[in-house]
C-alpha atoms as a PDB file:
ATOM      1  CA  MET A   1      82.313  66.069 129.069  1.00  0.00           C
ATOM      2  CA  THR A   2      81.243  64.220 130.666  1.00  0.00           C
ATOM      3  CA  GLU A   3      77.454  64.493 131.574  1.00  0.00           C
ATOM      4  CA  SER A   4      77.975  66.030 134.763  1.00  0.00           C
ATOM      5  CA  ASP A   5      79.878  68.940 133.397  1.00  0.00           C
ATOM      6  CA  ARG A   6      77.207  68.801 130.869  1.00  0.00           C
ATOM      7  CA  GLU A   7      74.787  69.625 133.278  1.00  0.00           C
ATOM      8  CA  MET A   8      76.726  72.203 135.056  1.00  0.00           C
ATOM      9  CA  LEU A   9      77.047  74.274 131.726  1.00  0.00           C
ATOM     10  CA  LEU A  10      73.595  73.965 131.386  1.00  0.00           C
ATOM     11  CA  ARG A  11      72.866  75.058 135.039  1.00  0.00           C
ATOM     12  CA  GLN A  12      75.295  78.302 134.620  1.00  0.00           C
ATOM     13  CA  TYR A  13      73.650  78.703 131.666  1.00  0.00           C
ATOM     14  CA  ALA A  14      70.181  78.907 133.113  1.00  0.00           C
ATOM     15  CA  ALA A  15      71.472  80.905 136.156  1.00  0.00           C
ATOM     16  CA  GLY A  16      72.910  83.769 132.854  1.00  0.00           C
ATOM     17  CA  GLU A  17      76.896  83.109 134.063  1.00  0.00           C
ATOM     18  CA  ILE A  18      77.787  82.446 131.157  1.00  0.00           C
ATOM     19  CA  THR A  19      76.852  82.631 126.717  1.00  0.00           C
ATOM     20  CA  TRP A  20      75.768  80.707 124.370  1.00  0.00           C
ATOM     21  CA  THR A  21      78.914  81.423 122.762  1.00  0.00           C
ATOM     22  CA  SER A  22      80.490  80.465 125.487  1.00  0.00           C
ATOM     23  CA  LEU A  23      78.303  77.097 125.435  1.00  0.00           C
ATOM     24  CA  ARG A  24      79.346  76.094 121.489  1.00  0.00           C
ATOM     25  CA  GLY A  25      82.884  76.973 122.313  1.00  0.00           C
ATOM     26  CA  ARG A  26      83.314  73.912 125.318  1.00  0.00           C
ATOM     27  CA  GLY A  27      81.756  71.462 123.157  1.00  0.00           C
ATOM     28  CA  ILE A  28      77.891  71.368 122.674  1.00  0.00           C
ATOM     29  CA  GLU A  29      77.129  72.355 118.876  1.00  0.00           C
ATOM     30  CA  ASN A  30      73.178  72.540 119.338  1.00  0.00           C
ATOM     31  CA  TYR A  31      70.803  74.989 120.335  1.00  0.00           C
ATOM     32  CA  ARG A  32      68.088  72.031 120.401  1.00  0.00           C
ATOM     33  CA  ASP A  33      70.742  69.996 122.490  1.00  0.00           C
ATOM     34  CA  VAL A  34      70.667  73.200 125.487  1.00  0.00           C
ATOM     35  CA  LEU A  35      66.896  73.142 125.382  1.00  0.00           C
ATOM     36  CA  ALA A  36      66.116  69.306 125.770  1.00  0.00           C
ATOM     37  CA  GLY A  37      69.400  69.061 128.712  1.00  0.00           C
ATOM     38  CA  LEU A  38      67.506  72.265 130.729  1.00  0.00           C
ATOM     39  CA  GLY A  39      64.189  70.574 130.146  1.00  0.00           C
ATOM     40  CA  ASP A  40      65.235  67.998 131.443  1.00  0.00           C
ATOM     41  CA  LEU A  41      66.795  69.671 133.900  1.00  0.00           C
ATOM     42  CA  GLY A  42      63.219  71.261 135.457  1.00  0.00           C
ATOM     43  CA  LEU A  43      65.208  74.902 134.347  1.00  0.00           C
ATOM     44  CA  ARG A  44      64.586  76.985 132.244  1.00  0.00           C
ATOM     45  CA  PRO A  45      66.445  79.420 129.441  1.00  0.00           C
ATOM     46  CA  PRO A  46      67.532  82.936 130.301  1.00  0.00           C
ATOM     47  CA  THR A  47      66.007  85.875 129.712  1.00  0.00           C
ATOM     48  CA  ALA A  48      67.579  89.434 129.005  1.00  0.00           C
ATOM     49  CA  PRO A  49      67.630  91.905 131.224  1.00  0.00           C
ATOM     50  CA  MET A  50      63.847  94.727 130.482  1.00  0.00           C
ATOM     51  CA  ASP A  51      66.555  97.087 130.507  1.00  0.00           C
ATOM     52  CA  GLY A  52      67.830  99.249 127.197  1.00  0.00           C
ATOM     53  CA  PRO A  53      66.808 100.111 124.068  1.00  0.00           C
ATOM     54  CA  ASN A  54      64.532  97.470 122.756  1.00  0.00           C
ATOM     55  CA  VAL A  55      62.008  97.362 126.245  1.00  0.00           C
ATOM     56  CA  GLU A  56      59.637  98.730 124.233  1.00  0.00           C
ATOM     57  CA  ALA A  57      59.847  96.505 121.113  1.00  0.00           C
ATOM     58  CA  ARG A  58      59.822  93.454 123.896  1.00  0.00           C
ATOM     59  CA  LEU A  59      56.717  94.434 125.682  1.00  0.00           C
ATOM     60  CA  ARG A  60      54.637  94.534 122.177  1.00  0.00           C
ATOM     61  CA  GLY A  61      56.394  91.545 120.930  1.00  0.00           C
ATOM     62  CA  ARG A  62      54.809  89.640 125.164  1.00  0.00           C
ATOM     63  CA  ALA A  63      51.709  91.372 123.777  1.00  0.00           C
ATOM     64  CA  LEU A  64      50.929  89.973 121.119  1.00  0.00           C
ATOM     65  CA  ILE A  65      52.324  86.196 122.450  1.00  0.00           C
ATOM     66  CA  ARG A  66      50.199  86.699 124.989  1.00  0.00           C
ATOM     67  CA  GLN A  67      47.678  87.859 122.862  1.00  0.00           C
ATOM     68  CA  ALA A  68      47.955  84.764 119.993  1.00  0.00           C
ATOM     69  CA  LEU A  69      47.951  82.396 122.881  1.00  0.00           C
ATOM     70  CA  GLN A  70      44.566  83.242 124.619  1.00  0.00           C
ATOM     71  CA  GLU A  71      42.949  83.464 121.317  1.00  0.00           C
ATOM     72  CA  ALA A  72      44.358  79.578 120.785  1.00  0.00           C
ATOM     73  CA  LYS A  73      42.791  78.688 123.354  1.00  0.00           C
ATOM     74  CA  LEU A  74      39.405  80.336 122.969  1.00  0.00           C
ATOM     75  CA  CYS A  75      39.097  79.055 119.143  1.00  0.00           C
ATOM     76  CA  ALA A  76      40.373  75.539 120.244  1.00  0.00           C
ATOM     77  CA  GLY A  77      37.817  72.951 119.148  1.00  0.00           C
ATOM     78  CA  THR A  78      36.314  75.161 116.527  1.00  0.00           C
ATOM     79  CA  SER A  79      36.419  75.846 112.981  1.00  0.00           C
ATOM     80  CA  ARG A  80      39.482  77.297 111.077  1.00  0.00           C
ATOM     81  CA  THR A  81      38.016  80.742 109.989  1.00  0.00           C
ATOM     82  CA  CYS A  82      39.268  80.923 113.403  1.00  0.00           C
ATOM     83  CA  ASN A  83      42.591  80.952 112.708  1.00  0.00           C
ATOM     84  CA  ARG A  84      42.155  82.768 109.510  1.00  0.00           C
ATOM     85  CA  SER A  85      40.895  86.330 110.935  1.00  0.00           C
ATOM     86  CA  PHE A  86      43.602  85.982 113.468  1.00  0.00           C
ATOM     87  CA  ASP A  87      45.974  85.418 110.809  1.00  0.00           C
ATOM     88  CA  ARG A  88      45.062  88.503 109.238  1.00  0.00           C
ATOM     89  CA  ARG A  89      45.616  90.823 112.060  1.00  0.00           C
ATOM     90  CA  PHE A  90      48.979  89.716 112.545  1.00  0.00           C
ATOM     91  CA  THR A  91      50.510  89.131 109.369  1.00  0.00           C
ATOM     92  CA  PRO A  92      53.180  91.759 108.362  1.00  0.00           C
END
């Protein structure tokens, strides 16, 4: 596969025109390579539309991640006790 073919596939993937399975079928076997290639092109992985039966679970997951990132910012440069209190709240 040429570099231009690979770039075209990655652009199609980022646009949601083809799937990860399609990429694998066309010779891109490692998802880390996909993520690195998208980063090199200044692109992001596609996201699933916010509809269907999993919307509430996805919204809760996003909220947890946002909160974790916010707490990580607040805890930056402080003692490890900040991380321990976070772990107790979010560990299933």
